[in-house]
N, C-alpha and C. Protein backbone atom coordinates (compact mmCIF):
# COMPACT_ATOMS: atom_id res chain seq x y z
N MET A 1 -32.35 -3.07 19.25
CA MET A 1 -32.52 -2.91 18.01
C MET A 1 -31.95 -1.70 17.59
N LYS A 2 -31.58 -0.85 18.04
CA LYS A 2 -30.63 0.12 17.45
C LYS A 2 -29.21 -0.19 17.37
N GLY A 3 -28.87 -1.09 18.18
CA GLY A 3 -27.41 -1.35 18.04
C GLY A 3 -27.56 -2.45 16.42
N VAL A 4 -28.30 -3.01 16.25
CA VAL A 4 -28.38 -3.71 14.96
C VAL A 4 -28.59 -3.03 13.98
N GLN A 5 -29.51 -2.03 14.16
CA GLN A 5 -29.30 -0.71 12.83
C GLN A 5 -28.50 -0.10 12.53
N ALA A 6 -27.50 0.20 13.75
CA ALA A 6 -26.52 1.08 13.62
C ALA A 6 -25.25 -0.16 12.60
N LYS A 7 -25.24 -1.04 13.10
CA LYS A 7 -24.28 -2.27 12.36
C LYS A 7 -24.87 -2.44 11.05
N LEU A 8 -26.42 -2.26 10.83
CA LEU A 8 -26.66 -2.63 9.20
C LEU A 8 -26.62 -1.00 8.46
N ASP A 9 -26.55 -0.06 9.05
CA ASP A 9 -26.58 1.24 8.47
C ASP A 9 -25.39 1.34 7.57
N TYR A 10 -25.71 1.25 6.35
CA TYR A 10 -24.63 1.71 5.14
C TYR A 10 -23.76 2.88 5.00
N SER A 11 -24.36 4.08 5.64
CA SER A 11 -23.92 5.18 5.61
C SER A 11 -22.77 5.48 6.81
N GLN A 12 -22.76 4.06 7.67
CA GLN A 12 -21.79 4.47 8.55
C GLN A 12 -20.65 3.55 8.65
N HIS A 13 -20.36 2.71 7.12
CA HIS A 13 -19.50 2.05 6.81
C HIS A 13 -19.24 2.39 5.56
N GLY A 14 -19.49 3.02 4.80
CA GLY A 14 -18.94 3.37 3.43
C GLY A 14 -19.71 2.41 2.37
N GLY A 15 -18.91 1.73 1.70
CA GLY A 15 -19.48 0.80 0.84
C GLY A 15 -18.93 -0.39 0.53
N ALA A 16 -18.98 -1.05 -0.30
CA ALA A 16 -18.49 -2.55 -0.86
C ALA A 16 -17.10 -2.52 -1.97
N VAL A 17 -16.47 -3.09 -1.07
CA VAL A 17 -14.99 -3.23 -1.64
C VAL A 17 -15.02 -4.01 -3.08
N VAL A 18 -14.33 -3.60 -3.98
CA VAL A 18 -14.05 -4.13 -4.91
C VAL A 18 -12.85 -4.88 -5.08
N ILE A 19 -12.59 -6.07 -5.04
CA ILE A 19 -11.47 -6.95 -4.73
C ILE A 19 -11.16 -6.94 -6.43
N GLY A 20 -9.62 -7.39 -6.71
CA GLY A 20 -9.52 -7.49 -8.07
C GLY A 20 -8.81 -6.49 -9.20
N VAL A 21 -8.88 -5.45 -8.80
CA VAL A 21 -8.39 -3.94 -9.70
C VAL A 21 -7.21 -3.64 -9.19
N ASN A 22 -6.49 -2.78 -9.94
CA ASN A 22 -5.22 -2.37 -9.68
C ASN A 22 -5.13 -0.84 -8.84
N ALA A 23 -6.31 -0.64 -8.27
CA ALA A 23 -6.27 0.27 -7.34
C ALA A 23 -7.88 0.30 -6.09
N PRO A 24 -7.38 1.19 -5.30
CA PRO A 24 -8.72 0.90 -4.43
C PRO A 24 -9.94 1.29 -4.99
N VAL A 25 -11.16 0.46 -4.82
CA VAL A 25 -11.98 0.65 -5.55
C VAL A 25 -13.49 0.58 -4.28
N VAL A 26 -14.23 1.26 -4.29
CA VAL A 26 -15.16 1.04 -3.11
C VAL A 26 -16.84 1.39 -3.82
N LYS A 27 -17.47 0.69 -3.89
CA LYS A 27 -18.68 1.05 -4.71
C LYS A 27 -19.75 1.28 -3.33
N THR A 28 -20.31 2.57 -3.46
CA THR A 28 -21.21 3.46 -2.64
C THR A 28 -22.51 3.39 -3.34
N HIS A 29 -23.68 3.35 -2.50
CA HIS A 29 -24.97 3.50 -3.03
C HIS A 29 -25.16 4.84 -3.67
N GLY A 30 -26.18 5.09 -4.65
CA GLY A 30 -26.23 5.66 -5.70
C GLY A 30 -27.02 7.10 -4.87
N SER A 31 -27.81 6.52 -4.03
CA SER A 31 -28.06 7.76 -2.94
C SER A 31 -27.54 8.22 -1.92
N ALA A 32 -26.08 7.76 -1.78
CA ALA A 32 -25.53 7.91 -0.68
C ALA A 32 -25.44 9.44 -0.32
N GLY A 33 -25.74 9.90 0.92
CA GLY A 33 -25.76 11.38 1.50
C GLY A 33 -24.39 11.37 2.06
N PRO A 34 -24.25 12.90 2.80
CA PRO A 34 -22.77 12.84 2.88
C PRO A 34 -22.09 12.34 4.07
N ASP A 35 -22.83 11.79 4.95
CA ASP A 35 -21.96 10.80 5.79
C ASP A 35 -21.41 9.45 4.95
N ALA A 36 -22.01 9.02 4.24
CA ALA A 36 -22.04 7.48 3.77
C ALA A 36 -20.49 7.93 2.49
N VAL A 37 -20.64 9.04 1.96
CA VAL A 37 -19.62 9.44 1.13
C VAL A 37 -18.25 10.01 1.93
N ALA A 38 -18.44 10.64 3.04
CA ALA A 38 -17.46 10.80 4.08
C ALA A 38 -16.35 9.33 4.68
N ASN A 39 -17.63 8.37 5.01
CA ASN A 39 -17.15 7.20 5.31
C ASN A 39 -16.37 6.17 4.37
N THR A 40 -16.79 6.30 3.26
CA THR A 40 -16.35 5.79 1.82
C THR A 40 -14.81 6.28 2.00
N MET A 41 -14.75 7.45 1.66
CA MET A 41 -13.31 8.34 1.51
C MET A 41 -12.24 7.67 2.75
N LYS A 42 -13.24 7.70 3.91
CA LYS A 42 -12.13 7.34 5.14
C LYS A 42 -11.97 5.82 4.90
N GLN A 43 -12.60 4.78 4.13
CA GLN A 43 -12.81 3.49 3.54
C GLN A 43 -11.42 3.23 3.06
N ILE A 44 -11.60 4.15 1.71
CA ILE A 44 -10.41 4.04 0.91
C ILE A 44 -9.10 4.98 1.46
N HIS A 45 -8.81 5.47 2.50
CA HIS A 45 -7.77 5.75 3.29
C HIS A 45 -7.11 4.82 3.68
N THR A 46 -7.96 3.98 4.67
CA THR A 46 -7.45 3.04 5.09
C THR A 46 -7.18 2.09 4.14
N MET A 47 -7.61 1.64 3.14
CA MET A 47 -7.14 0.51 2.04
C MET A 47 -6.05 0.98 1.63
N LEU A 48 -5.43 2.40 1.40
CA LEU A 48 -4.32 2.85 0.68
C LEU A 48 -3.28 2.96 1.85
N GLU A 49 -3.55 2.93 3.00
CA GLU A 49 -2.60 3.03 4.39
C GLU A 49 -1.98 1.25 4.45
N ALA A 50 -2.77 0.30 4.57
CA ALA A 50 -2.84 -1.13 4.43
C ALA A 50 -2.34 -1.61 3.58
N ASP A 51 -2.11 -1.00 1.89
CA ASP A 51 -1.46 -1.54 0.87
C ASP A 51 -2.22 -2.37 0.50
N LEU A 52 -3.50 -2.48 0.97
CA LEU A 52 -4.29 -3.73 0.50
C LEU A 52 -4.39 -4.08 -0.75
N VAL A 53 -4.56 -3.26 -2.06
CA VAL A 53 -4.34 -4.11 -3.15
C VAL A 53 -2.96 -4.57 -3.66
N ALA A 54 -1.73 -3.99 -3.12
CA ALA A 54 -0.72 -5.41 -3.11
C ALA A 54 -0.88 -6.66 -2.58
N LYS A 55 -1.37 -6.49 -1.32
CA LYS A 55 -1.48 -7.43 -0.43
C LYS A 55 -2.28 -8.75 -1.44
N VAL A 56 -3.52 -8.05 -1.49
CA VAL A 56 -4.16 -8.99 -2.47
C VAL A 56 -3.75 -9.58 -3.18
N GLN A 57 -2.82 -8.85 -4.40
CA GLN A 57 -2.14 -9.22 -5.51
C GLN A 57 -0.91 -10.46 -5.26
N ALA A 58 -0.12 -9.78 -3.86
CA ALA A 58 0.56 -11.17 -3.31
C ALA A 58 -0.10 -12.03 -3.00
N PHE A 59 -1.21 -12.14 -2.28
CA PHE A 59 -1.94 -13.41 -1.94
C PHE A 59 -2.26 -14.17 -3.09
N VAL A 60 -2.97 -13.59 -4.01
CA VAL A 60 -3.01 -14.27 -5.36
C VAL A 60 -2.11 -15.24 -5.96
N ALA A 61 -0.86 -14.13 -6.11
CA ALA A 61 0.28 -14.96 -6.52
C ALA A 61 0.75 -15.87 -5.93
N ASP A 62 0.89 -15.88 -4.77
CA ASP A 62 1.28 -17.07 -3.79
C ASP A 62 0.70 -18.38 -3.62
N HIS A 63 -1.02 -18.08 -3.92
CA HIS A 63 -1.81 -19.12 -3.83
C HIS A 63 -2.82 -19.71 -5.15
N LYS A 64 -2.02 -19.05 -6.40
CA LYS A 64 -2.53 -19.11 -7.38
C LYS A 64 -3.15 -20.80 -7.74
N GLU A 65 -2.26 -21.56 -7.68
CA GLU A 65 -2.41 -23.24 -8.09
C GLU A 65 -3.79 -23.53 -6.67
N ASP A 66 -3.81 -22.92 -5.58
CA ASP A 66 -4.60 -23.50 -4.81
C ASP A 66 -6.21 -23.07 -5.13
N LEU A 67 -6.06 -21.77 -5.74
CA LEU A 67 -7.61 -21.03 -6.12
C LEU A 67 -7.78 -21.27 -7.17
N ALA A 68 -6.92 -22.06 -7.98
CA ALA A 68 -7.47 -22.42 -9.44
C ALA A 68 -8.03 -23.92 -9.19
N ALA A 69 -7.61 -24.75 -8.39
CA ALA A 69 -7.84 -25.82 -8.23
C ALA A 69 -9.28 -26.36 -7.31
N ARG A 70 -9.84 -24.98 -6.88
CA ARG A 70 -11.06 -25.35 -6.18
C ARG A 70 -12.08 -25.36 -7.14
N PRO A 71 -13.00 -26.49 -6.51
CA PRO A 71 -14.31 -26.97 -7.34
C PRO A 71 -15.17 -26.24 -8.36
N GLU A 72 -15.47 -24.77 -7.25
CA GLU A 72 -16.40 -23.61 -7.77
C GLU A 72 -15.73 -23.15 -8.92
N ASN A 73 -14.42 -23.22 -9.47
CA ASN A 73 -13.68 -22.39 -10.12
C ASN A 73 -13.71 -23.62 -11.63
N ASP A 74 -14.38 -24.73 -11.51
CA ASP A 74 -14.42 -25.53 -12.82
C ASP A 74 -15.44 -24.81 -13.70
N VAL A 75 -15.08 -24.45 -14.75
CA VAL A 75 -15.56 -23.75 -15.75
C VAL A 75 -16.39 -24.88 -16.61
N ASP A 76 -16.14 -26.34 -16.50
CA ASP A 76 -16.98 -27.36 -17.50
C ASP A 76 -18.20 -27.51 -16.69
N GLY A 77 -18.06 -27.47 -15.48
CA GLY A 77 -19.61 -27.43 -14.93
C GLY A 77 -19.37 -29.03 -13.79
N ALA A 78 -18.04 -29.62 -14.24
CA ALA A 78 -18.11 -30.82 -13.69
C ALA A 78 -17.82 -30.98 -12.11
N ALA A 79 -18.01 -29.76 -11.34
CA ALA A 79 -18.08 -29.88 -9.70
C ALA A 79 -19.45 -29.70 -9.66
N GLU A 80 -20.46 -29.51 -10.59
CA GLU A 80 -21.75 -29.31 -9.98
C GLU A 80 -22.14 -30.50 -9.84
């Protein structure tokens, strides 16, 4: 059970990555302690090293038509 607890402990993983912005953004819990903040900083550093923002932008640009054609993107509700 301790292994499961460790995997679910947000303080060990940083925060939630926000995709679709022009800079690395990670949302961390408001009551995050020092370990969570440190791990969030590591997470942002990893994102910067991997050039994640540029890779996401390139992926979206390369697959724009495919992404727009997905049924869940139908704003008229016809896909429901």
